[in-house]
Amino acid sequence: MPIFAKWRKLANLPKSRGRDALPGIYEIANIDKKIIYIGQSAKDVPNRIRQHLQKENCISLIAHYWRYEFSRIPTADEAHHIDLFLKNNGAIPRCNTVTPIVRNILKRYSERSQ
């Protein structure tokens, strides 16, 4: 399930927020608004996106839009969104290079409590 937020142009990234940061997960899309990257930041999503754009890579070459969703556990939510994308599309987003491991919490609990 994608993030249910309006696509925003990368040119309109908010300025650094300092103490009022925006932690969460984000999706980056190409000009056709097709998701090319799913990521997360525990501190500030706009700053993390800026870091991607400063390097010459897949994201900086074809990205045009982004959208964001607040998350208290961004690493887990990122893994969940990538897993859903993989199940729905048969592959991870074009610019993601590593597939996060989605762990079964109940299985891990039962293994540890024995």
PDB file of N, CA and C in Angstrom:
ATOM      1  N   MET A   1       0.851  -1.163   0.000  1.00  0.00           N
ATOM      2  CA  MET A   1       0.000   0.000   0.000  1.00  0.00           C
ATOM      3  C   MET A   1       0.905   1.237   0.000  1.00  0.00           C
ATOM      4  N   PRO A   2       0.745   2.101  -1.000  1.00  0.00           N
ATOM      5  CA  PRO A   2       1.590   3.291  -1.041  1.00  0.00           C
ATOM      6  C   PRO A   2       1.202   4.293   0.043  1.00  0.00           C
ATOM      7  N   ILE A   3       2.034   5.258   0.196  1.00  0.00           N
ATOM      8  CA  ILE A   3       1.741   6.343   1.123  1.00  0.00           C
ATOM      9  C   ILE A   3       0.586   7.157   0.550  1.00  0.00           C
ATOM     10  N   PHE A   4      -0.411   7.442   1.366  1.00  0.00           N
ATOM     11  CA  PHE A   4      -1.550   8.218   0.900  1.00  0.00           C
ATOM     12  C   PHE A   4      -1.334   9.689   1.208  1.00  0.00           C
ATOM     13  N   ALA A   5      -0.511  10.304   0.393  1.00  0.00           N
ATOM     14  CA  ALA A   5      -0.240  11.729   0.516  1.00  0.00           C
ATOM     15  C   ALA A   5      -0.098  12.288  -0.894  1.00  0.00           C
ATOM     16  N   LYS A   6      -0.245  13.566  -1.008  1.00  0.00           N
ATOM     17  CA  LYS A   6      -0.140  14.237  -2.298  1.00  0.00           C
ATOM     18  C   LYS A   6       1.322  14.259  -2.756  1.00  0.00           C
ATOM     19  N   TRP A   7       1.538  13.984  -4.041  1.00  0.00           N
ATOM     20  CA  TRP A   7       2.886  14.102  -4.590  1.00  0.00           C
ATOM     21  C   TRP A   7       3.294  15.574  -4.589  1.00  0.00           C
ATOM     22  N   ARG A   8       4.529  15.836  -4.199  1.00  0.00           N
ATOM     23  CA  ARG A   8       5.069  17.200  -4.188  1.00  0.00           C
ATOM     24  C   ARG A   8       6.299  17.229  -5.086  1.00  0.00           C
ATOM     25  N   LYS A   9       6.519  18.355  -5.725  1.00  0.00           N
ATOM     26  CA  LYS A   9       7.706  18.491  -6.572  1.00  0.00           C
ATOM     27  C   LYS A   9       8.946  18.599  -5.694  1.00  0.00           C
ATOM     28  N   LEU A  10      10.045  18.001  -6.157  1.00  0.00           N
ATOM     29  CA  LEU A  10      11.289  18.059  -5.392  1.00  0.00           C
ATOM     30  C   LEU A  10      11.799  19.490  -5.235  1.00  0.00           C
ATOM     31  N   ALA A  11      11.465  20.338  -6.173  1.00  0.00           N
ATOM     32  CA  ALA A  11      11.882  21.740  -6.077  1.00  0.00           C
ATOM     33  C   ALA A  11      11.250  22.434  -4.872  1.00  0.00           C
ATOM     34  N   ASN A  12      10.175  21.865  -4.345  1.00  0.00           N
ATOM     35  CA  ASN A  12       9.462  22.464  -3.216  1.00  0.00           C
ATOM     36  C   ASN A  12       9.751  21.771  -1.890  1.00  0.00           C
ATOM     37  N   LEU A  13      10.928  21.150  -1.756  1.00  0.00           N
ATOM     38  CA  LEU A  13      11.291  20.541  -0.468  1.00  0.00           C
ATOM     39  C   LEU A  13      11.343  21.617   0.606  1.00  0.00           C
ATOM     40  N   PRO A  14      10.763  21.367   1.781  1.00  0.00           N
ATOM     41  CA  PRO A  14      10.832  22.373   2.838  1.00  0.00           C
ATOM     42  C   PRO A  14      12.266  22.562   3.327  1.00  0.00           C
ATOM     43  N   LYS A  15      12.519  23.740   3.860  1.00  0.00           N
ATOM     44  CA  LYS A  15      13.843  24.029   4.409  1.00  0.00           C
ATOM     45  C   LYS A  15      14.082  23.190   5.650  1.00  0.00           C
ATOM     46  N   SER A  16      15.326  23.097   6.060  1.00  0.00           N
ATOM     47  CA  SER A  16      15.693  22.347   7.250  1.00  0.00           C
ATOM     48  C   SER A  16      14.880  22.841   8.438  1.00  0.00           C
ATOM     49  N   ARG A  17      14.350  21.907   9.226  1.00  0.00           N
ATOM     50  CA  ARG A  17      13.434  22.270  10.311  1.00  0.00           C
ATOM     51  C   ARG A  17      14.080  22.230  11.686  1.00  0.00           C
ATOM     52  N   GLY A  18      15.315  21.775  11.771  1.00  0.00           N
ATOM     53  CA  GLY A  18      15.984  21.762  13.063  1.00  0.00           C
ATOM     54  C   GLY A  18      15.256  20.913  14.078  1.00  0.00           C
ATOM     55  N   ARG A  19      14.791  21.537  15.146  1.00  0.00           N
ATOM     56  CA  ARG A  19      14.140  20.794  16.228  1.00  0.00           C
ATOM     57  C   ARG A  19      12.753  20.290  15.866  1.00  0.00           C
ATOM     58  N   ASP A  20      12.132  20.869  14.843  1.00  0.00           N
ATOM     59  CA  ASP A  20      10.806  20.433  14.402  1.00  0.00           C
ATOM     60  C   ASP A  20      10.921  19.507  13.198  1.00  0.00           C
ATOM     61  N   ALA A  21      11.778  18.535  13.288  1.00  0.00           N
ATOM     62  CA  ALA A  21      12.062  17.650  12.163  1.00  0.00           C
ATOM     63  C   ALA A  21      10.867  16.784  11.801  1.00  0.00           C
ATOM     64  N   LEU A  22      10.950  16.171  10.623  1.00  0.00           N
ATOM     65  CA  LEU A  22       9.884  15.319  10.108  1.00  0.00           C
ATOM     66  C   LEU A  22      10.384  13.882   9.948  1.00  0.00           C
ATOM     67  N   PRO A  23      10.376  13.068  11.017  1.00  0.00           N
ATOM     68  CA  PRO A  23      10.791  11.680  10.853  1.00  0.00           C
ATOM     69  C   PRO A  23       9.705  10.875  10.146  1.00  0.00           C
ATOM     70  N   GLY A  24      10.104   9.863   9.412  1.00  0.00           N
ATOM     71  CA  GLY A  24       9.101   9.025   8.770  1.00  0.00           C
ATOM     72  C   GLY A  24       9.629   8.306   7.562  1.00  0.00           C
ATOM     73  N   ILE A  25       8.697   7.851   6.724  1.00  0.00           N
ATOM     74  CA  ILE A  25       9.053   7.176   5.494  1.00  0.00           C
ATOM     75  C   ILE A  25       8.633   8.051   4.330  1.00  0.00           C
ATOM     76  N   TYR A  26       9.275   7.816   3.179  1.00  0.00           N
ATOM     77  CA  TYR A  26       8.975   8.630   2.013  1.00  0.00           C
ATOM     78  C   TYR A  26       9.099   7.793   0.751  1.00  0.00           C
ATOM     79  N   GLU A  27       8.432   8.274  -0.282  1.00  0.00           N
ATOM     80  CA  GLU A  27       8.529   7.678  -1.608  1.00  0.00           C
ATOM     81  C   GLU A  27       8.984   8.764  -2.559  1.00  0.00           C
ATOM     82  N   ILE A  28       9.834   8.382  -3.491  1.00  0.00           N
ATOM     83  CA  ILE A  28      10.297   9.295  -4.529  1.00  0.00           C
ATOM     84  C   ILE A  28       9.830   8.715  -5.855  1.00  0.00           C
ATOM     85  N   ALA A  29       9.356   9.580  -6.751  1.00  0.00           N
ATOM     86  CA  ALA A  29       8.795   9.117  -8.022  1.00  0.00           C
ATOM     87  C   ALA A  29       9.434   9.840  -9.206  1.00  0.00           C
ATOM     88  N   ASN A  30       9.300   9.213 -10.384  1.00  0.00           N
ATOM     89  CA  ASN A  30       9.796   9.830 -11.603  1.00  0.00           C
ATOM     90  C   ASN A  30       8.758  10.812 -12.148  1.00  0.00           C
ATOM     91  N   ILE A  31       8.986  11.303 -13.335  1.00  0.00           N
ATOM     92  CA  ILE A  31       8.092  12.319 -13.901  1.00  0.00           C
ATOM     93  C   ILE A  31       6.669  11.789 -14.124  1.00  0.00           C
ATOM     94  N   ASP A  32       6.527  10.464 -14.273  1.00  0.00           N
ATOM     95  CA  ASP A  32       5.213   9.845 -14.460  1.00  0.00           C
ATOM     96  C   ASP A  32       4.555   9.459 -13.133  1.00  0.00           C
ATOM     97  N   LYS A  33       5.163   9.869 -12.034  1.00  0.00           N
ATOM     98  CA  LYS A  33       4.693   9.569 -10.678  1.00  0.00           C
ATOM     99  C   LYS A  33       4.674   8.068 -10.386  1.00  0.00           C
ATOM    100  N   LYS A  34       5.644   7.372 -10.951  1.00  0.00           N
ATOM    101  CA  LYS A  34       5.858   5.961 -10.633  1.00  0.00           C
ATOM    102  C   LYS A  34       6.961   5.890  -9.589  1.00  0.00           C
ATOM    103  N   ILE A  35       6.724   5.137  -8.532  1.00  0.00           N
ATOM    104  CA  ILE A  35       7.661   5.066  -7.413  1.00  0.00           C
ATOM    105  C   ILE A  35       8.985   4.451  -7.865  1.00  0.00           C
ATOM    106  N   ILE A  36      10.079   5.181  -7.598  1.00  0.00           N
ATOM    107  CA  ILE A  36      11.410   4.670  -7.930  1.00  0.00           C
ATOM    108  C   ILE A  36      12.238   4.392  -6.674  1.00  0.00           C
ATOM    109  N   TYR A  37      11.786   4.906  -5.535  1.00  0.00           N
ATOM    110  CA  TYR A  37      12.558   4.711  -4.304  1.00  0.00           C
ATOM    111  C   TYR A  37      11.642   4.832  -3.094  1.00  0.00           C
ATOM    112  N   ILE A  38      11.841   3.961  -2.120  1.00  0.00           N
ATOM    113  CA  ILE A  38      11.162   4.050  -0.828  1.00  0.00           C
ATOM    114  C   ILE A  38      12.260   4.126   0.221  1.00  0.00           C
ATOM    115  N   GLY A  39      12.182   5.120   1.102  1.00  0.00           N
ATOM    116  CA  GLY A  39      13.214   5.298   2.110  1.00  0.00           C
ATOM    117  C   GLY A  39      12.629   5.742   3.434  1.00  0.00           C
ATOM    118  N   GLN A  40      13.522   5.945   4.408  1.00  0.00           N
ATOM    119  CA  GLN A  40      13.098   6.365   5.734  1.00  0.00           C
ATOM    120  C   GLN A  40      14.146   7.265   6.343  1.00  0.00           C
ATOM    121  N   SER A  41      13.713   8.055   7.288  1.00  0.00           N
ATOM    122  CA  SER A  41      14.627   8.886   8.069  1.00  0.00           C
ATOM    123  C   SER A  41      14.083   8.976   9.486  1.00  0.00           C
ATOM    124  N   ALA A  42      14.927   8.665  10.442  1.00  0.00           N
ATOM    125  CA  ALA A  42      14.525   8.766  11.846  1.00  0.00           C
ATOM    126  C   ALA A  42      14.577  10.209  12.312  1.00  0.00           C
ATOM    127  N   LYS A  43      15.208  11.083  11.532  1.00  0.00           N
ATOM    128  CA  LYS A  43      15.353  12.478  11.947  1.00  0.00           C
ATOM    129  C   LYS A  43      14.541  13.435  11.102  1.00  0.00           C
ATOM    130  N   ASP A  44      14.870  13.550   9.808  1.00  0.00           N
ATOM    131  CA  ASP A  44      14.228  14.562   8.981  1.00  0.00           C
ATOM    132  C   ASP A  44      14.184  14.112   7.524  1.00  0.00           C
ATOM    133  N   VAL A  45      13.002  13.805   7.030  1.00  0.00           N
ATOM    134  CA  VAL A  45      12.829  13.304   5.671  1.00  0.00           C
ATOM    135  C   VAL A  45      13.348  14.286   4.617  1.00  0.00           C
ATOM    136  N   PRO A  46      12.970  15.572   4.633  1.00  0.00           N
ATOM    137  CA  PRO A  46      13.480  16.466   3.594  1.00  0.00           C
ATOM    138  C   PRO A  46      15.013  16.529   3.529  1.00  0.00           C
ATOM    139  N   ASN A  47      15.673  16.522   4.677  1.00  0.00           N
ATOM    140  CA  ASN A  47      17.136  16.528   4.660  1.00  0.00           C
ATOM    141  C   ASN A  47      17.686  15.239   4.059  1.00  0.00           C
ATOM    142  N   ARG A  48      17.048  14.119   4.349  1.00  0.00           N
ATOM    143  CA  ARG A  48      17.504  12.840   3.793  1.00  0.00           C
ATOM    144  C   ARG A  48      17.341  12.834   2.279  1.00  0.00           C
ATOM    145  N   ILE A  49      16.247  13.385   1.796  1.00  0.00           N
ATOM    146  CA  ILE A  49      16.036  13.458   0.348  1.00  0.00           C
ATOM    147  C   ILE A  49      17.094  14.353  -0.286  1.00  0.00           C
ATOM    148  N   ARG A  50      17.417  15.467   0.364  1.00  0.00           N
ATOM    149  CA  ARG A  50      18.477  16.343  -0.145  1.00  0.00           C
ATOM    150  C   ARG A  50      19.806  15.592  -0.269  1.00  0.00           C
ATOM    151  N   GLN A  51      20.097  14.732   0.696  1.00  0.00           N
ATOM    152  CA  GLN A  51      21.329  13.938   0.631  1.00  0.00           C
ATOM    153  C   GLN A  51      21.341  13.048  -0.613  1.00  0.00           C
ATOM    154  N   HIS A  52      20.195  12.451  -0.937  1.00  0.00           N
ATOM    155  CA  HIS A  52      20.111  11.631  -2.149  1.00  0.00           C
ATOM    156  C   HIS A  52      20.390  12.480  -3.392  1.00  0.00           C
ATOM    157  N   LEU A  53      19.835  13.670  -3.421  1.00  0.00           N
ATOM    158  CA  LEU A  53      19.925  14.515  -4.606  1.00  0.00           C
ATOM    159  C   LEU A  53      21.318  15.118  -4.806  1.00  0.00           C
ATOM    160  N   GLN A  54      22.118  15.193  -3.756  1.00  0.00           N
ATOM    161  CA  GLN A  54      23.463  15.768  -3.861  1.00  0.00           C
ATOM    162  C   GLN A  54      24.441  14.817  -4.547  1.00  0.00           C
ATOM    163  N   LYS A  55      24.143  13.525  -4.542  1.00  0.00           N
ATOM    164  CA  LYS A  55      25.013  12.535  -5.178  1.00  0.00           C
ATOM    165  C   LYS A  55      24.499  12.250  -6.586  1.00  0.00           C
ATOM    166  N   GLU A  56      25.395  11.864  -7.460  1.00  0.00           N
ATOM    167  CA  GLU A  56      24.955  11.446  -8.787  1.00  0.00           C
ATOM    168  C   GLU A  56      24.606   9.968  -8.706  1.00  0.00           C
ATOM    169  N   ASN A  57      23.332   9.672  -8.678  1.00  0.00           N
ATOM    170  CA  ASN A  57      22.863   8.302  -8.557  1.00  0.00           C
ATOM    171  C   ASN A  57      21.521   8.162  -9.257  1.00  0.00           C
ATOM    172  N   CYS A  58      20.949   7.004  -9.157  1.00  0.00           N
ATOM    173  CA  CYS A  58      19.661   6.722  -9.792  1.00  0.00           C
ATOM    174  C   CYS A  58      18.598   7.747  -9.393  1.00  0.00           C
ATOM    175  N   ILE A  59      18.550   8.070  -8.120  1.00  0.00           N
ATOM    176  CA  ILE A  59      17.521   8.986  -7.622  1.00  0.00           C
ATOM    177  C   ILE A  59      17.707  10.385  -8.191  1.00  0.00           C
ATOM    178  N   SER A  60      18.914  10.919  -8.094  1.00  0.00           N
ATOM    179  CA  SER A  60      19.144  12.296  -8.528  1.00  0.00           C
ATOM    180  C   SER A  60      18.943  12.472 -10.035  1.00  0.00           C
ATOM    181  N   LEU A  61      19.102  11.413 -10.803  1.00  0.00           N
ATOM    182  CA  LEU A  61      18.982  11.512 -12.253  1.00  0.00           C
ATOM    183  C   LEU A  61      17.540  11.498 -12.750  1.00  0.00           C
ATOM    184  N   ILE A  62      16.638  10.806 -12.039  1.00  0.00           N
ATOM    185  CA  ILE A  62      15.276  10.678 -12.584  1.00  0.00           C
ATOM    186  C   ILE A  62      14.157  11.109 -11.636  1.00  0.00           C
ATOM    187  N   ALA A  63      14.480  11.539 -10.437  1.00  0.00           N
ATOM    188  CA  ALA A  63      13.442  11.898  -9.462  1.00  0.00           C
ATOM    189  C   ALA A  63      12.809  13.254  -9.782  1.00  0.00           C
ATOM    190  N   HIS A  64      11.490  13.326  -9.599  1.00  0.00           N
ATOM    191  CA  HIS A  64      10.758  14.577  -9.799  1.00  0.00           C
ATOM    192  C   HIS A  64       9.792  14.889  -8.661  1.00  0.00           C
ATOM    193  N   TYR A  65       9.287  13.846  -7.989  1.00  0.00           N
ATOM    194  CA  TYR A  65       8.272  14.034  -6.955  1.00  0.00           C
ATOM    195  C   TYR A  65       8.629  13.252  -5.695  1.00  0.00           C
ATOM    196  N   TRP A  66       8.025  13.669  -4.576  1.00  0.00           N
ATOM    197  CA  TRP A  66       8.194  12.950  -3.310  1.00  0.00           C
ATOM    198  C   TRP A  66       6.909  13.081  -2.506  1.00  0.00           C
ATOM    199  N   ARG A  67       6.718  12.142  -1.604  1.00  0.00           N
ATOM    200  CA  ARG A  67       5.628  12.227  -0.628  1.00  0.00           C
ATOM    201  C   ARG A  67       6.100  11.545   0.649  1.00  0.00           C
ATOM    202  N   TYR A  68       5.422  11.887   1.737  1.00  0.00           N
ATOM    203  CA  TYR A  68       5.936  11.560   3.067  1.00  0.00           C
ATOM    204  C   TYR A  68       4.809  11.095   3.981  1.00  0.00           C
ATOM    205  N   GLU A  69       5.175  10.246   4.942  1.00  0.00           N
ATOM    206  CA  GLU A  69       4.233   9.806   5.971  1.00  0.00           C
ATOM    207  C   GLU A  69       4.979   9.722   7.303  1.00  0.00           C
ATOM    208  N   PHE A  70       4.416  10.310   8.334  1.00  0.00           N
ATOM    209  CA  PHE A  70       5.042  10.246   9.659  1.00  0.00           C
ATOM    210  C   PHE A  70       5.105   8.806  10.120  1.00  0.00           C
ATOM    211  N   SER A  71       6.172   8.471  10.835  1.00  0.00           N
ATOM    212  CA  SER A  71       6.313   7.127  11.389  1.00  0.00           C
ATOM    213  C   SER A  71       7.109   7.190  12.677  1.00  0.00           C
ATOM    214  N   ARG A  72       6.641   6.470  13.686  1.00  0.00           N
ATOM    215  CA  ARG A  72       7.398   6.353  14.938  1.00  0.00           C
ATOM    216  C   ARG A  72       8.484   5.302  14.824  1.00  0.00           C
ATOM    217  N   ILE A  73       8.289   4.345  13.918  1.00  0.00           N
ATOM    218  CA  ILE A  73       9.281   3.292  13.694  1.00  0.00           C
ATOM    219  C   ILE A  73       9.586   3.237  12.185  1.00  0.00           C
ATOM    220  N   PRO A  74      10.309   4.223  11.680  1.00  0.00           N
ATOM    221  CA  PRO A  74      10.499   4.323  10.230  1.00  0.00           C
ATOM    222  C   PRO A  74      11.208   3.139   9.590  1.00  0.00           C
ATOM    223  N   THR A  75      12.154   2.515  10.266  1.00  0.00           N
ATOM    224  CA  THR A  75      12.862   1.384   9.671  1.00  0.00           C
ATOM    225  C   THR A  75      11.902   0.232   9.389  1.00  0.00           C
ATOM    226  N   ALA A  76      11.054  -0.080  10.348  1.00  0.00           N
ATOM    227  CA  ALA A  76      10.081  -1.158  10.168  1.00  0.00           C
ATOM    228  C   ALA A  76       9.042  -0.798   9.113  1.00  0.00           C
ATOM    229  N   ASP A  77       8.578   0.443   9.124  1.00  0.00           N
ATOM    230  CA  ASP A  77       7.580   0.861   8.143  1.00  0.00           C
ATOM    231  C   ASP A  77       8.164   0.871   6.726  1.00  0.00           C
ATOM    232  N   GLU A  78       9.430   1.269   6.602  1.00  0.00           N
ATOM    233  CA  GLU A  78      10.086   1.231   5.291  1.00  0.00           C
ATOM    234  C   GLU A  78      10.128  -0.206   4.773  1.00  0.00           C
ATOM    235  N   ALA A  79      10.544  -1.133   5.619  1.00  0.00           N
ATOM    236  CA  ALA A  79      10.606  -2.541   5.223  1.00  0.00           C
ATOM    237  C   ALA A  79       9.228  -3.046   4.804  1.00  0.00           C
ATOM    238  N   HIS A  80       8.206  -2.655   5.540  1.00  0.00           N
ATOM    239  CA  HIS A  80       6.834  -3.063   5.224  1.00  0.00           C
ATOM    240  C   HIS A  80       6.407  -2.526   3.860  1.00  0.00           C
ATOM    241  N   HIS A  81       6.672  -1.257   3.594  1.00  0.00           N
ATOM    242  CA  HIS A  81       6.276  -0.647   2.316  1.00  0.00           C
ATOM    243  C   HIS A  81       7.043  -1.260   1.145  1.00  0.00           C
ATOM    244  N   ILE A  82       8.327  -1.545   1.336  1.00  0.00           N
ATOM    245  CA  ILE A  82       9.095  -2.180   0.265  1.00  0.00           C
ATOM    246  C   ILE A  82       8.579  -3.593   0.017  1.00  0.00           C
ATOM    247  N   ASP A  83       8.259  -4.304   1.076  1.00  0.00           N
ATOM    248  CA  ASP A  83       7.717  -5.656   0.934  1.00  0.00           C
ATOM    249  C   ASP A  83       6.389  -5.627   0.183  1.00  0.00           C
ATOM    250  N   LEU A  84       5.515  -4.694   0.492  1.00  0.00           N
ATOM    251  CA  LEU A  84       4.241  -4.576  -0.226  1.00  0.00           C
ATOM    252  C   LEU A  84       4.472  -4.231  -1.700  1.00  0.00           C
ATOM    253  N   PHE A  85       5.415  -3.327  -1.945  1.00  0.00           N
ATOM    254  CA  PHE A  85       5.734  -2.953  -3.326  1.00  0.00           C
ATOM    255  C   PHE A  85       6.234  -4.183  -4.080  1.00  0.00           C
ATOM    256  N   LEU A  86       7.091  -4.965  -3.454  1.00  0.00           N
ATOM    257  CA  LEU A  86       7.634  -6.184  -4.058  1.00  0.00           C
ATOM    258  C   LEU A  86       6.516  -7.170  -4.379  1.00  0.00           C
ATOM    259  N   LYS A  87       5.607  -7.372  -3.448  1.00  0.00           N
ATOM    260  CA  LYS A  87       4.496  -8.305  -3.671  1.00  0.00           C
ATOM    261  C   LYS A  87       3.576  -7.829  -4.797  1.00  0.00           C
ATOM    262  N   ASN A  88       3.336  -6.519  -4.875  1.00  0.00           N
ATOM    263  CA  ASN A  88       2.414  -5.980  -5.875  1.00  0.00           C
ATOM    264  C   ASN A  88       3.040  -5.826  -7.258  1.00  0.00           C
ATOM    265  N   ASN A  89       4.364  -5.635  -7.314  1.00  0.00           N
ATOM    266  CA  ASN A  89       5.015  -5.334  -8.590  1.00  0.00           C
ATOM    267  C   ASN A  89       6.036  -6.376  -9.033  1.00  0.00           C
ATOM    268  N   GLY A  90       6.353  -7.331  -8.183  1.00  0.00           N
ATOM    269  CA  GLY A  90       7.298  -8.369  -8.549  1.00  0.00           C
ATOM    270  C   GLY A  90       8.759  -7.979  -8.428  1.00  0.00           C
ATOM    271  N   ALA A  91       9.034  -6.761  -8.024  1.00  0.00           N
ATOM    272  CA  ALA A  91      10.409  -6.282  -7.846  1.00  0.00           C
ATOM    273  C   ALA A  91      10.386  -5.104  -6.885  1.00  0.00           C
ATOM    274  N   ILE A  92      11.544  -4.809  -6.315  1.00  0.00           N
ATOM    275  CA  ILE A  92      11.626  -3.635  -5.447  1.00  0.00           C
ATOM    276  C   ILE A  92      11.698  -2.389  -6.324  1.00  0.00           C
ATOM    277  N   PRO A  93      11.470  -1.194  -5.768  1.00  0.00           N
ATOM    278  CA  PRO A  93      11.560   0.021  -6.582  1.00  0.00           C
ATOM    279  C   PRO A  93      12.909   0.134  -7.276  1.00  0.00           C
ATOM    280  N   ARG A  94      12.901   0.708  -8.430  1.00  0.00           N
ATOM    281  CA  ARG A  94      14.056   0.788  -9.323  1.00  0.00           C
ATOM    282  C   ARG A  94      15.349   1.261  -8.666  1.00  0.00           C
ATOM    283  N   CYS A  95      15.268   2.253  -7.793  1.00  0.00           N
ATOM    284  CA  CYS A  95      16.474   2.832  -7.191  1.00  0.00           C
ATOM    285  C   CYS A  95      16.812   2.259  -5.816  1.00  0.00           C
ATOM    286  N   ASN A  96      15.970   1.415  -5.254  1.00  0.00           N
ATOM    287  CA  ASN A  96      16.321   0.714  -4.017  1.00  0.00           C
ATOM    288  C   ASN A  96      17.292  -0.405  -4.387  1.00  0.00           C
ATOM    289  N   THR A  97      18.337  -0.567  -3.597  1.00  0.00           N
ATOM    290  CA  THR A  97      19.327  -1.592  -3.931  1.00  0.00           C
ATOM    291  C   THR A  97      19.286  -2.784  -2.987  1.00  0.00           C
ATOM    292  N   VAL A  98      18.742  -2.615  -1.812  1.00  0.00           N
ATOM    293  CA  VAL A  98      18.711  -3.685  -0.822  1.00  0.00           C
ATOM    294  C   VAL A  98      17.264  -3.924  -0.397  1.00  0.00           C
ATOM    295  N   THR A  99      16.880  -5.181  -0.310  1.00  0.00           N
ATOM    296  CA  THR A  99      15.553  -5.526   0.165  1.00  0.00           C
ATOM    297  C   THR A  99      15.604  -5.719   1.671  1.00  0.00           C
ATOM    298  N   PRO A 100      14.917  -4.873   2.451  1.00  0.00           N
ATOM    299  CA  PRO A 100      14.900  -5.067   3.902  1.00  0.00           C
ATOM    300  C   PRO A 100      14.228  -6.385   4.269  1.00  0.00           C
ATOM    301  N   ILE A 101      14.690  -6.984   5.336  1.00  0.00           N
ATOM    302  CA  ILE A 101      14.118  -8.238   5.813  1.00  0.00           C
ATOM    303  C   ILE A 101      12.896  -7.922   6.664  1.00  0.00           C
ATOM    304  N   VAL A 102      11.767  -8.499   6.301  1.00  0.00           N
ATOM    305  CA  VAL A 102      10.551  -8.334   7.090  1.00  0.00           C
ATOM    306  C   VAL A 102      10.475  -9.536   8.013  1.00  0.00           C
ATOM    307  N   ARG A 103      10.538  -9.288   9.298  1.00  0.00           N
ATOM    308  CA  ARG A 103      10.574 -10.375  10.272  1.00  0.00           C
ATOM    309  C   ARG A 103       9.178 -10.655  10.833  1.00  0.00           C
ATOM    310  N   ASN A 104       8.962 -11.902  11.150  1.00  0.00           N
ATOM    311  CA  ASN A 104       7.714 -12.322  11.759  1.00  0.00           C
ATOM    312  C   ASN A 104       7.861 -12.138  13.272  1.00  0.00           C
ATOM    313  N   ILE A 105       7.189 -11.153  13.817  1.00  0.00           N
ATOM    314  CA  ILE A 105       7.331 -10.805  15.231  1.00  0.00           C
ATOM    315  C   ILE A 105       6.895 -11.948  16.139  1.00  0.00           C
ATOM    316  N   LEU A 106       5.792 -12.602  15.822  1.00  0.00           N
ATOM    317  CA  LEU A 106       5.305 -13.701  16.668  1.00  0.00           C
ATOM    318  C   LEU A 106       6.283 -14.870  16.665  1.00  0.00           C
ATOM    319  N   LYS A 107       6.865 -15.156  15.500  1.00  0.00           N
ATOM    320  CA  LYS A 107       7.847 -16.251  15.417  1.00  0.00           C
ATOM    321  C   LYS A 107       9.079 -15.911  16.261  1.00  0.00           C
ATOM    322  N   ARG A 108       9.566 -14.680  16.169  1.00  0.00           N
ATOM    323  CA  ARG A 108      10.733 -14.280  16.934  1.00  0.00           C
ATOM    324  C   ARG A 108      10.439 -14.344  18.437  1.00  0.00           C
ATOM    325  N   TYR A 109       9.253 -13.932  18.839  1.00  0.00           N
ATOM    326  CA  TYR A 109       8.866 -13.974  20.244  1.00  0.00           C
ATOM    327  C   TYR A 109       8.861 -15.408  20.759  1.00  0.00           C
ATOM    328  N   SER A 110       8.246 -16.307  19.971  1.00  0.00           N
ATOM    329  CA  SER A 110       8.168 -17.702  20.414  1.00  0.00           C
ATOM    330  C   SER A 110       9.547 -18.354  20.465  1.00  0.00           C
ATOM    331  N   GLU A 111      10.445 -17.978  19.536  1.00  0.00           N
ATOM    332  CA  GLU A 111      11.809 -18.524  19.556  1.00  0.00           C
ATOM    333  C   GLU A 111      12.581 -18.053  20.788  1.00  0.00           C
ATOM    334  N   ARG A 112      12.383 -16.825  21.169  1.00  0.00           N
ATOM    335  CA  ARG A 112      13.119 -16.261  22.288  1.00  0.00           C
ATOM    336  C   ARG A 112      12.551 -16.670  23.640  1.00  0.00           C
ATOM    337  N   SER A 113      11.286 -16.998  23.679  1.00  0.00           N
ATOM    338  CA  SER A 113      10.664 -17.325  24.963  1.00  0.00           C
ATOM    339  C   SER A 113      10.736 -18.819  25.299  1.00  0.00           C
ATOM    340  N   GLN A 114      11.357 -19.595  24.466  1.00  0.00           N
ATOM    341  CA  GLN A 114      11.466 -21.038  24.749  1.00  0.00           C
ATOM    342  C   GLN A 114      12.664 -21.339  25.614  1.00  0.00           C
TER     343      GLN A 114
END
